Amino acid sequence: MFYYFQHRSTFHSHSKKFNMAAFDQSFDSTVYARVKFDISKAKEYIKKLCEKTKKDINLTIYWIKVVGDVFVRVPESNEKIRFGLKGKRKTVDISIIINAKGNEMTYLTIRDVPNKTFEQVYDEYVSKSDKLKKGQDEAYNKTRYFLKFIPSFCMNIVMELMGILSTINISIPCIGLKKNHYGSVILSLMGGYGLKNIYVPLFPYTYTIGVFSSCEIEEKKSLNLDGSVSVKEYLPVNFTLDHRYMDGVLSSKMVKAARILFDDPNEFQVKETV
């Protein structure tokens, strides 16, 4: 019988089994929002950072830094729910959805984002994503190996248990499970796929406040007082939020904090001279 279930589970890819585990029932705590951020000042700052560091720092890295600092500016948003009780997270850790080797969906997590420089975030992001794409990430490989023996109909229970253990700071290195495995929030970089407007669903077993999906950059023309026409670029972000963590007031605080960081790059917690 074990062989039968193991054999049947191979019909589903690693990421497909994740999806089956996460979305076998509906959750009614989901709320949605869409916000556009002016990235003109951010692009100027990014250009200076690239000249200074000689590295290809881009808008993705800037967005990761913005989200990290938003949690510092709005600390009440950096919470987790354990057994029906809310608790504060000690650090701001951010997970980013990427494609690993074989086009399998997975996450890389950057810890303590607000206290790192742009260059440090860039180096960590590039290093971790490169390992995942080459199939060289040890923790991911252990998790993948463990889950291939789990039949699809058991994935919901297994993923929920792994999520709970991670949230209460229990790690199981032999299966690649880390403390606070998914961090405070999940970022989905959909703009790189040419998607202009998409909402990514919540992943209940991650116990994060939601998923922030950055979409394809948009251009908007505006007529100036002198009669000339200027073009501005905006980063659209679709928010899929868990209402147990986030309400309208808290969400608006986070958006305002993000706008400050897009309008003035000197407002980041870690000050950098460019």
C-alpha atoms as a PDB file:
ATOM      1  CA  MET A   1       0.000   0.000   0.000  1.00  0.00           C
ATOM      2  CA  PHE A   2       2.836   2.411   0.807  1.00  0.00           C
ATOM      3  CA  TYR A   3       4.328   1.819  -2.609  1.00  0.00           C
ATOM      4  CA  TYR A   4       0.946   2.502  -4.181  1.00  0.00           C
ATOM      5  CA  PHE A   5       0.541   5.877  -2.476  1.00  0.00           C
ATOM      6  CA  GLN A   6       4.157   6.790  -3.171  1.00  0.00           C
ATOM      7  CA  HIS A   7       3.710   5.879  -6.818  1.00  0.00           C
ATOM      8  CA  ARG A   8       0.472   7.840  -7.109  1.00  0.00           C
ATOM      9  CA  SER A   9       2.023  10.943  -5.547  1.00  0.00           C
ATOM     10  CA  THR A  10       4.570  11.134  -8.343  1.00  0.00           C
ATOM     11  CA  PHE A  11       1.796  12.135 -10.731  1.00  0.00           C
ATOM     12  CA  HIS A  12       1.857  15.563  -9.086  1.00  0.00           C
ATOM     13  CA  SER A  13       4.849  17.893  -9.169  1.00  0.00           C
ATOM     14  CA  HIS A  14       6.319  19.295  -5.965  1.00  0.00           C
ATOM     15  CA  SER A  15       4.580  22.682  -6.371  1.00  0.00           C
ATOM     16  CA  LYS A  16       1.299  21.069  -7.494  1.00  0.00           C
ATOM     17  CA  LYS A  17       1.186  19.048  -4.286  1.00  0.00           C
ATOM     18  CA  PHE A  18       1.786  22.278  -2.338  1.00  0.00           C
ATOM     19  CA  ASN A  19      -1.191  23.859  -4.089  1.00  0.00           C
ATOM     20  CA  MET A  20      -3.423  20.864  -3.454  1.00  0.00           C
ATOM     21  CA  ALA A  21      -2.508  21.021   0.220  1.00  0.00           C
ATOM     22  CA  ALA A  22      -3.145  24.747   0.536  1.00  0.00           C
ATOM     23  CA  PHE A  23      -6.349  25.211  -1.437  1.00  0.00           C
ATOM     24  CA  ASP A  24      -8.546  22.220  -0.761  1.00  0.00           C
ATOM     25  CA  GLN A  25     -11.035  24.452   1.052  1.00  0.00           C
ATOM     26  CA  SER A  26     -12.035  28.098   0.906  1.00  0.00           C
ATOM     27  CA  PHE A  27     -10.875  30.681   3.430  1.00  0.00           C
ATOM     28  CA  ASP A  28     -13.025  33.762   3.875  1.00  0.00           C
ATOM     29  CA  SER A  29     -10.510  36.016   5.617  1.00  0.00           C
ATOM     30  CA  THR A  30      -8.969  37.186   2.333  1.00  0.00           C
ATOM     31  CA  VAL A  31      -9.115  40.851   1.328  1.00  0.00           C
ATOM     32  CA  TYR A  32      -7.685  42.509  -1.776  1.00  0.00           C
ATOM     33  CA  ALA A  33      -6.219  45.903  -2.649  1.00  0.00           C
ATOM     34  CA  ARG A  34      -4.302  47.460  -5.555  1.00  0.00           C
ATOM     35  CA  VAL A  35      -1.898  50.385  -5.185  1.00  0.00           C
ATOM     36  CA  LYS A  36       0.457  52.115  -7.636  1.00  0.00           C
ATOM     37  CA  PHE A  37       3.763  53.651  -6.544  1.00  0.00           C
ATOM     38  CA  ASP A  38       5.652  56.383  -8.395  1.00  0.00           C
ATOM     39  CA  ILE A  39       9.125  54.934  -9.007  1.00  0.00           C
ATOM     40  CA  SER A  40      10.861  57.953 -10.542  1.00  0.00           C
ATOM     41  CA  LYS A  41      12.878  58.788  -7.395  1.00  0.00           C
ATOM     42  CA  ALA A  42      13.573  55.104  -6.785  1.00  0.00           C
ATOM     43  CA  LYS A  43      15.031  54.664 -10.290  1.00  0.00           C
ATOM     44  CA  GLU A  44      17.371  57.618  -9.779  1.00  0.00           C
ATOM     45  CA  TYR A  45      18.540  56.179  -6.478  1.00  0.00           C
ATOM     46  CA  ILE A  46      18.976  52.691  -7.951  1.00  0.00           C
ATOM     47  CA  LYS A  47      21.161  54.123 -10.723  1.00  0.00           C
ATOM     48  CA  LYS A  48      23.421  55.742  -8.126  1.00  0.00           C
ATOM     49  CA  LEU A  49      23.575  52.508  -6.109  1.00  0.00           C
ATOM     50  CA  CYS A  50      24.645  50.568  -9.193  1.00  0.00           C
ATOM     51  CA  GLU A  51      27.406  53.081  -9.913  1.00  0.00           C
ATOM     52  CA  LYS A  52      28.622  52.893  -6.321  1.00  0.00           C
ATOM     53  CA  THR A  53      28.467  49.128  -5.792  1.00  0.00           C
ATOM     54  CA  LYS A  54      29.166  48.031  -9.390  1.00  0.00           C
ATOM     55  CA  LYS A  55      26.291  45.590  -9.015  1.00  0.00           C
ATOM     56  CA  ASP A  56      23.025  45.165 -10.901  1.00  0.00           C
ATOM     57  CA  ILE A  57      20.726  46.360  -8.122  1.00  0.00           C
ATOM     58  CA  ASN A  58      17.228  46.690  -9.548  1.00  0.00           C
ATOM     59  CA  LEU A  59      13.653  47.563  -8.616  1.00  0.00           C
ATOM     60  CA  THR A  60      13.106  44.097  -7.135  1.00  0.00           C
ATOM     61  CA  ILE A  61      15.782  44.746  -4.509  1.00  0.00           C
ATOM     62  CA  TYR A  62      14.371  48.218  -3.867  1.00  0.00           C
ATOM     63  CA  TRP A  63      10.881  46.752  -3.366  1.00  0.00           C
ATOM     64  CA  ILE A  64      12.199  44.132  -0.918  1.00  0.00           C
ATOM     65  CA  LYS A  65      13.880  46.903   1.077  1.00  0.00           C
ATOM     66  CA  VAL A  66      10.719  49.026   1.019  1.00  0.00           C
ATOM     67  CA  VAL A  67       8.600  46.182   2.393  1.00  0.00           C
ATOM     68  CA  GLY A  68      11.156  45.476   5.102  1.00  0.00           C
ATOM     69  CA  ASP A  69      11.194  49.078   6.295  1.00  0.00           C
ATOM     70  CA  VAL A  70       7.396  49.307   6.160  1.00  0.00           C
ATOM     71  CA  PHE A  71       7.192  46.670   8.894  1.00  0.00           C
ATOM     72  CA  VAL A  72       9.565  48.763  11.017  1.00  0.00           C
ATOM     73  CA  ARG A  73       7.455  51.897  10.501  1.00  0.00           C
ATOM     74  CA  VAL A  74       4.245  49.961  11.206  1.00  0.00           C
ATOM     75  CA  PRO A  75       5.427  47.413  13.822  1.00  0.00           C
ATOM     76  CA  GLU A  76       1.907  46.267  14.695  1.00  0.00           C
ATOM     77  CA  SER A  77       1.738  44.656  11.245  1.00  0.00           C
ATOM     78  CA  ASN A  78       4.628  42.273  11.996  1.00  0.00           C
ATOM     79  CA  GLU A  79       2.613  39.654  13.840  1.00  0.00           C
ATOM     80  CA  LYS A  80       1.880  35.951  13.699  1.00  0.00           C
ATOM     81  CA  ILE A  81      -1.029  33.866  14.926  1.00  0.00           C
ATOM     82  CA  ARG A  82      -0.291  30.847  17.080  1.00  0.00           C
ATOM     83  CA  PHE A  83      -3.146  28.714  18.361  1.00  0.00           C
ATOM     84  CA  GLY A  84      -5.586  31.595  17.949  1.00  0.00           C
ATOM     85  CA  LEU A  85      -3.343  34.117  19.720  1.00  0.00           C
ATOM     86  CA  LYS A  86      -1.419  36.954  18.091  1.00  0.00           C
ATOM     87  CA  GLY A  87       2.249  37.414  18.840  1.00  0.00           C
ATOM     88  CA  LYS A  88       4.983  39.795  17.714  1.00  0.00           C
ATOM     89  CA  ARG A  89       7.733  38.601  15.400  1.00  0.00           C
ATOM     90  CA  LYS A  90      11.277  39.355  16.525  1.00  0.00           C
ATOM     91  CA  THR A  91      12.620  40.214  13.082  1.00  0.00           C
ATOM     92  CA  VAL A  92      11.337  41.239   9.654  1.00  0.00           C
ATOM     93  CA  ASP A  93      11.964  38.289   7.345  1.00  0.00           C
ATOM     94  CA  ILE A  94      10.657  38.344   3.776  1.00  0.00           C
ATOM     95  CA  SER A  95      10.009  35.408   1.465  1.00  0.00           C
ATOM     96  CA  ILE A  96      10.098  35.820  -2.311  1.00  0.00           C
ATOM     97  CA  ILE A  97       8.453  33.334  -4.669  1.00  0.00           C
ATOM     98  CA  ILE A  98      10.794  32.125  -7.405  1.00  0.00           C
ATOM     99  CA  ASN A  99      11.093  29.267  -9.865  1.00  0.00           C
ATOM    100  CA  ALA A 100      13.584  26.649  -8.752  1.00  0.00           C
ATOM    101  CA  LYS A 101      15.184  23.983 -10.904  1.00  0.00           C
ATOM    102  CA  GLY A 102      12.594  22.219 -13.074  1.00  0.00           C
ATOM    103  CA  ASN A 103      10.194  25.216 -12.909  1.00  0.00           C
ATOM    104  CA  GLU A 104       9.100  24.222  -9.407  1.00  0.00           C
ATOM    105  CA  MET A 105       7.628  27.067  -7.388  1.00  0.00           C
ATOM    106  CA  THR A 106       9.366  27.712  -4.084  1.00  0.00           C
ATOM    107  CA  TYR A 107      10.533  30.514  -1.799  1.00  0.00           C
ATOM    108  CA  LEU A 108      13.758  32.115  -0.766  1.00  0.00           C
ATOM    109  CA  THR A 109      13.775  33.990   2.518  1.00  0.00           C
ATOM    110  CA  ILE A 110      15.867  37.019   3.412  1.00  0.00           C
ATOM    111  CA  ARG A 111      16.186  37.548   7.151  1.00  0.00           C
ATOM    112  CA  ASP A 112      16.256  40.860   9.029  1.00  0.00           C
ATOM    113  CA  VAL A 113      15.792  42.916   5.848  1.00  0.00           C
ATOM    114  CA  PRO A 114      15.538  46.412   7.439  1.00  0.00           C
ATOM    115  CA  ASN A 115      18.995  46.106   9.003  1.00  0.00           C
ATOM    116  CA  LYS A 116      20.742  45.188   5.755  1.00  0.00           C
ATOM    117  CA  THR A 117      22.072  47.441   3.026  1.00  0.00           C
ATOM    118  CA  PHE A 118      20.835  47.287  -0.557  1.00  0.00           C
ATOM    119  CA  GLU A 119      24.055  45.530  -1.506  1.00  0.00           C
ATOM    120  CA  GLN A 120      23.653  42.905   1.206  1.00  0.00           C
ATOM    121  CA  VAL A 121      20.063  42.198   0.174  1.00  0.00           C
ATOM    122  CA  TYR A 122      21.142  41.976  -3.463  1.00  0.00           C
ATOM    123  CA  ASP A 123      24.000  39.561  -2.705  1.00  0.00           C
ATOM    124  CA  GLU A 124      21.767  37.317  -0.592  1.00  0.00           C
ATOM    125  CA  TYR A 125      18.939  37.344  -3.143  1.00  0.00           C
ATOM    126  CA  VAL A 126      21.260  36.486  -6.042  1.00  0.00           C
ATOM    127  CA  SER A 127      23.114  33.783  -4.091  1.00  0.00           C
ATOM    128  CA  LYS A 128      19.983  32.033  -2.832  1.00  0.00           C
ATOM    129  CA  SER A 129      18.061  32.238  -6.098  1.00  0.00           C
ATOM    130  CA  ASP A 130      21.077  30.922  -8.002  1.00  0.00           C
ATOM    131  CA  LYS A 131      21.358  27.897  -5.712  1.00  0.00           C
ATOM    132  CA  LEU A 132      17.644  27.128  -6.046  1.00  0.00           C
ATOM    133  CA  LYS A 133      17.708  27.411  -9.830  1.00  0.00           C
ATOM    134  CA  LYS A 134      20.709  25.090 -10.014  1.00  0.00           C
ATOM    135  CA  GLY A 135      19.202  22.606  -7.547  1.00  0.00           C
ATOM    136  CA  GLN A 136      21.975  23.236  -5.027  1.00  0.00           C
ATOM    137  CA  ASP A 137      19.940  24.516  -2.066  1.00  0.00           C
ATOM    138  CA  GLU A 138      20.365  21.879   0.652  1.00  0.00           C
ATOM    139  CA  ALA A 139      17.268  22.748   2.716  1.00  0.00           C
ATOM    140  CA  TYR A 140      15.001  22.874  -0.332  1.00  0.00           C
ATOM    141  CA  ASN A 141      16.319  19.554  -1.616  1.00  0.00           C
ATOM    142  CA  LYS A 142      15.685  17.915   1.768  1.00  0.00           C
ATOM    143  CA  THR A 143      12.105  19.241   1.845  1.00  0.00           C
ATOM    144  CA  ARG A 144      11.491  18.137  -1.721  1.00  0.00           C
ATOM    145  CA  TYR A 145      12.848  14.650  -1.007  1.00  0.00           C
ATOM    146  CA  PHE A 146      10.706  14.331   2.131  1.00  0.00           C
ATOM    147  CA  LEU A 147       7.504  15.483   0.441  1.00  0.00           C
ATOM    148  CA  LYS A 148       7.798  13.151  -2.522  1.00  0.00           C
ATOM    149  CA  PHE A 149       6.966  10.290  -0.146  1.00  0.00           C
ATOM    150  CA  ILE A 150       3.807  12.033   1.096  1.00  0.00           C
ATOM    151  CA  PRO A 151       0.642  11.068  -0.812  1.00  0.00           C
ATOM    152  CA  SER A 152      -1.342  14.016  -2.138  1.00  0.00           C
ATOM    153  CA  PHE A 153      -4.336  13.444   0.134  1.00  0.00           C
ATOM    154  CA  CYS A 154      -2.051  13.792   3.199  1.00  0.00           C
ATOM    155  CA  MET A 155      -0.290  16.966   2.048  1.00  0.00           C
ATOM    156  CA  ASN A 156      -2.784  19.289   3.720  1.00  0.00           C
ATOM    157  CA  ILE A 157      -2.113  17.816   7.157  1.00  0.00           C
ATOM    158  CA  VAL A 158       1.655  17.652   6.635  1.00  0.00           C
ATOM    159  CA  MET A 159       1.954  21.244   5.368  1.00  0.00           C
ATOM    160  CA  GLU A 160      -0.272  22.554   8.152  1.00  0.00           C
ATOM    161  CA  LEU A 161       1.843  20.755  10.748  1.00  0.00           C
ATOM    162  CA  MET A 162       5.083  22.044   9.211  1.00  0.00           C
ATOM    163  CA  GLY A 163       3.634  25.574   9.205  1.00  0.00           C
ATOM    164  CA  ILE A 164       2.664  25.362  12.873  1.00  0.00           C
ATOM    165  CA  LEU A 165       6.048  23.979  13.932  1.00  0.00           C
ATOM    166  CA  SER A 166       7.865  26.701  12.003  1.00  0.00           C
ATOM    167  CA  THR A 167       5.663  29.422  13.502  1.00  0.00           C
ATOM    168  CA  ILE A 168       6.399  28.281  17.065  1.00  0.00           C
ATOM    169  CA  ASN A 169      10.125  28.363  16.225  1.00  0.00           C
ATOM    170  CA  ILE A 170      10.747  24.641  15.903  1.00  0.00           C
ATOM    171  CA  SER A 171      13.144  23.619  13.160  1.00  0.00           C
ATOM    172  CA  ILE A 172      13.624  20.151  11.685  1.00  0.00           C
ATOM    173  CA  PRO A 173      16.863  20.336   9.657  1.00  0.00           C
ATOM    174  CA  CYS A 174      16.546  16.790   8.284  1.00  0.00           C
ATOM    175  CA  ILE A 175      13.492  17.837   6.222  1.00  0.00           C
ATOM    176  CA  GLY A 176      14.668  21.401   5.537  1.00  0.00           C
ATOM    177  CA  LEU A 177      12.197  23.072   7.921  1.00  0.00           C
ATOM    178  CA  LYS A 178      13.518  26.266   9.504  1.00  0.00           C
ATOM    179  CA  LYS A 179      12.264  28.477  12.306  1.00  0.00           C
ATOM    180  CA  ASN A 180       9.900  31.159  11.006  1.00  0.00           C
ATOM    181  CA  HIS A 181      10.309  29.483   7.624  1.00  0.00           C
ATOM    182  CA  TYR A 182       8.229  31.905   5.541  1.00  0.00           C
ATOM    183  CA  GLY A 183       8.837  35.111   7.485  1.00  0.00           C
ATOM    184  CA  SER A 184       6.500  38.073   7.836  1.00  0.00           C
ATOM    185  CA  VAL A 185       5.161  38.313   4.293  1.00  0.00           C
ATOM    186  CA  ILE A 186       5.504  36.747   0.835  1.00  0.00           C
ATOM    187  CA  LEU A 187       6.427  38.734  -2.269  1.00  0.00           C
ATOM    188  CA  SER A 188       5.443  37.593  -5.751  1.00  0.00           C
ATOM    189  CA  LEU A 189       7.341  39.265  -8.605  1.00  0.00           C
ATOM    190  CA  MET A 190       4.764  38.901 -11.380  1.00  0.00           C
ATOM    191  CA  GLY A 191       5.938  41.902 -13.411  1.00  0.00           C
ATOM    192  CA  GLY A 192       8.863  39.855 -14.666  1.00  0.00           C
ATOM    193  CA  TYR A 193       6.386  37.568 -16.416  1.00  0.00           C
ATOM    194  CA  GLY A 194       4.694  40.483 -18.186  1.00  0.00           C
ATOM    195  CA  LEU A 195       1.562  40.285 -16.030  1.00  0.00           C
ATOM    196  CA  LYS A 196      -0.169  43.622 -15.574  1.00  0.00           C
ATOM    197  CA  ASN A 197      -2.805  42.691 -13.022  1.00  0.00           C
ATOM    198  CA  ILE A 198      -2.813  39.495 -10.991  1.00  0.00           C
ATOM    199  CA  TYR A 199      -3.667  38.583  -7.407  1.00  0.00           C
ATOM    200  CA  VAL A 200      -1.807  35.653  -5.896  1.00  0.00           C
ATOM    201  CA  PRO A 201      -3.851  33.631  -3.365  1.00  0.00           C
ATOM    202  CA  LEU A 202      -2.945  33.256   0.273  1.00  0.00           C
ATOM    203  CA  PHE A 203      -0.945  30.233   1.359  1.00  0.00           C
ATOM    204  CA  PRO A 204      -2.594  29.387   4.710  1.00  0.00           C
ATOM    205  CA  TYR A 205       0.181  27.108   5.946  1.00  0.00           C
ATOM    206  CA  THR A 206       2.736  29.946   5.749  1.00  0.00           C
ATOM    207  CA  TYR A 207       1.067  31.978   8.527  1.00  0.00           C
ATOM    208  CA  THR A 208       2.073  35.302   6.972  1.00  0.00           C
ATOM    209  CA  ILE A 209      -0.015  38.463   6.738  1.00  0.00           C
ATOM    210  CA  GLY A 210      -0.437  38.027   2.978  1.00  0.00           C
ATOM    211  CA  VAL A 211       1.095  38.080  -0.479  1.00  0.00           C
ATOM    212  CA  PHE A 212       2.260  41.291  -2.201  1.00  0.00           C
ATOM    213  CA  SER A 213       2.303  40.865  -5.985  1.00  0.00           C
ATOM    214  CA  SER A 214       4.294  43.447  -7.922  1.00  0.00           C
ATOM    215  CA  CYS A 215       3.021  43.663 -11.516  1.00  0.00           C
ATOM    216  CA  GLU A 216       4.414  45.023 -14.775  1.00  0.00           C
ATOM    217  CA  ILE A 217       5.512  48.662 -14.630  1.00  0.00           C
ATOM    218  CA  GLU A 218       2.970  51.102 -16.072  1.00  0.00           C
ATOM    219  CA  GLU A 219       3.539  54.425 -17.790  1.00  0.00           C
ATOM    220  CA  LYS A 220       1.242  57.398 -17.335  1.00  0.00           C
ATOM    221  CA  LYS A 221       1.326  60.616 -19.329  1.00  0.00           C
ATOM    222  CA  SER A 222       0.496  63.921 -17.683  1.00  0.00           C
ATOM    223  CA  LEU A 223       0.093  67.440 -19.039  1.00  0.00           C
ATOM    224  CA  ASN A 224       2.322  70.019 -17.352  1.00  0.00           C
ATOM    225  CA  LEU A 225       1.431  73.679 -16.740  1.00  0.00           C
ATOM    226  CA  ASP A 226       3.750  74.801 -19.523  1.00  0.00           C
ATOM    227  CA  GLY A 227       1.907  72.611 -22.005  1.00  0.00           C
ATOM    228  CA  SER A 228       4.562  69.909 -22.210  1.00  0.00           C
ATOM    229  CA  VAL A 229       3.813  66.236 -21.668  1.00  0.00           C
ATOM    230  CA  SER A 230       5.749  64.165 -19.158  1.00  0.00           C
ATOM    231  CA  VAL A 231       5.724  60.414 -18.648  1.00  0.00           C
ATOM    232  CA  LYS A 232       5.919  58.811 -15.219  1.00  0.00           C
ATOM    233  CA  GLU A 233       6.411  55.156 -14.377  1.00  0.00           C
ATOM    234  CA  TYR A 234       4.439  53.410 -11.668  1.00  0.00           C
ATOM    235  CA  LEU A 235       4.862  50.053  -9.954  1.00  0.00           C
ATOM    236  CA  PRO A 236       1.429  48.438  -9.471  1.00  0.00           C
ATOM    237  CA  VAL A 237       1.225  46.161  -6.438  1.00  0.00           C
ATOM    238  CA  ASN A 238      -1.701  43.861  -5.746  1.00  0.00           C
ATOM    239  CA  PHE A 239      -2.175  42.955  -2.097  1.00  0.00           C
ATOM    240  CA  THR A 240      -3.804  39.708  -1.007  1.00  0.00           C
ATOM    241  CA  LEU A 241      -4.180  40.060   2.744  1.00  0.00           C
ATOM    242  CA  ASP A 242      -5.370  37.935   5.642  1.00  0.00           C
ATOM    243  CA  HIS A 243      -7.995  39.994   7.451  1.00  0.00           C
ATOM    244  CA  ARG A 244      -7.148  38.281  10.729  1.00  0.00           C
ATOM    245  CA  TYR A 245      -3.912  40.305  10.660  1.00  0.00           C
ATOM    246  CA  MET A 246      -4.781  43.311   8.534  1.00  0.00           C
ATOM    247  CA  ASP A 247      -7.651  45.789   8.509  1.00  0.00           C
ATOM    248  CA  GLY A 248      -8.225  48.966   6.500  1.00  0.00           C
ATOM    249  CA  VAL A 249      -6.499  51.251   9.009  1.00  0.00           C
ATOM    250  CA  LEU A 250      -3.372  49.121   9.259  1.00  0.00           C
ATOM    251  CA  SER A 251      -3.221  48.618   5.496  1.00  0.00           C
ATOM    252  CA  SER A 252      -3.422  52.362   4.856  1.00  0.00           C
ATOM    253  CA  LYS A 253      -0.554  52.956   7.299  1.00  0.00           C
ATOM    254  CA  MET A 254       1.600  50.478   5.426  1.00  0.00           C
ATOM    255  CA  VAL A 255       0.803  52.043   2.048  1.00  0.00           C
ATOM    256  CA  LYS A 256       1.635  55.527   3.368  1.00  0.00           C
ATOM    257  CA  ALA A 257       4.934  54.230   4.764  1.00  0.00           C
ATOM    258  CA  ALA A 258       5.773  52.653   1.397  1.00  0.00           C
ATOM    259  CA  ARG A 259       5.010  55.905  -0.451  1.00  0.00           C
ATOM    260  CA  ILE A 260       7.416  57.785   1.825  1.00  0.00           C
ATOM    261  CA  LEU A 261      10.204  55.345   0.941  1.00  0.00           C
ATOM    262  CA  PHE A 262       9.481  55.562  -2.784  1.00  0.00           C
ATOM    263  CA  ASP A 263       9.360  59.355  -2.658  1.00  0.00           C
ATOM    264  CA  ASP A 264      12.495  59.750  -0.544  1.00  0.00           C
ATOM    265  CA  PRO A 265      15.115  56.960  -0.563  1.00  0.00           C
ATOM    266  CA  ASN A 266      16.956  58.722   2.263  1.00  0.00           C
ATOM    267  CA  GLU A 267      14.199  57.620   4.647  1.00  0.00           C
ATOM    268  CA  PHE A 268      15.353  54.002   4.866  1.00  0.00           C
ATOM    269  CA  GLN A 269      16.399  52.762   8.305  1.00  0.00           C
ATOM    270  CA  VAL A 270      19.905  51.891   7.098  1.00  0.00           C
ATOM    271  CA  LYS A 271      21.314  55.136   5.705  1.00  0.00           C
ATOM    272  CA  GLU A 272      23.500  54.803   2.644  1.00  0.00           C
ATOM    273  CA  THR A 273      25.588  57.460   0.928  1.00  0.00           C
ATOM    274  CA  VAL A 274      25.368  57.384  -2.875  1.00  0.00           C
END
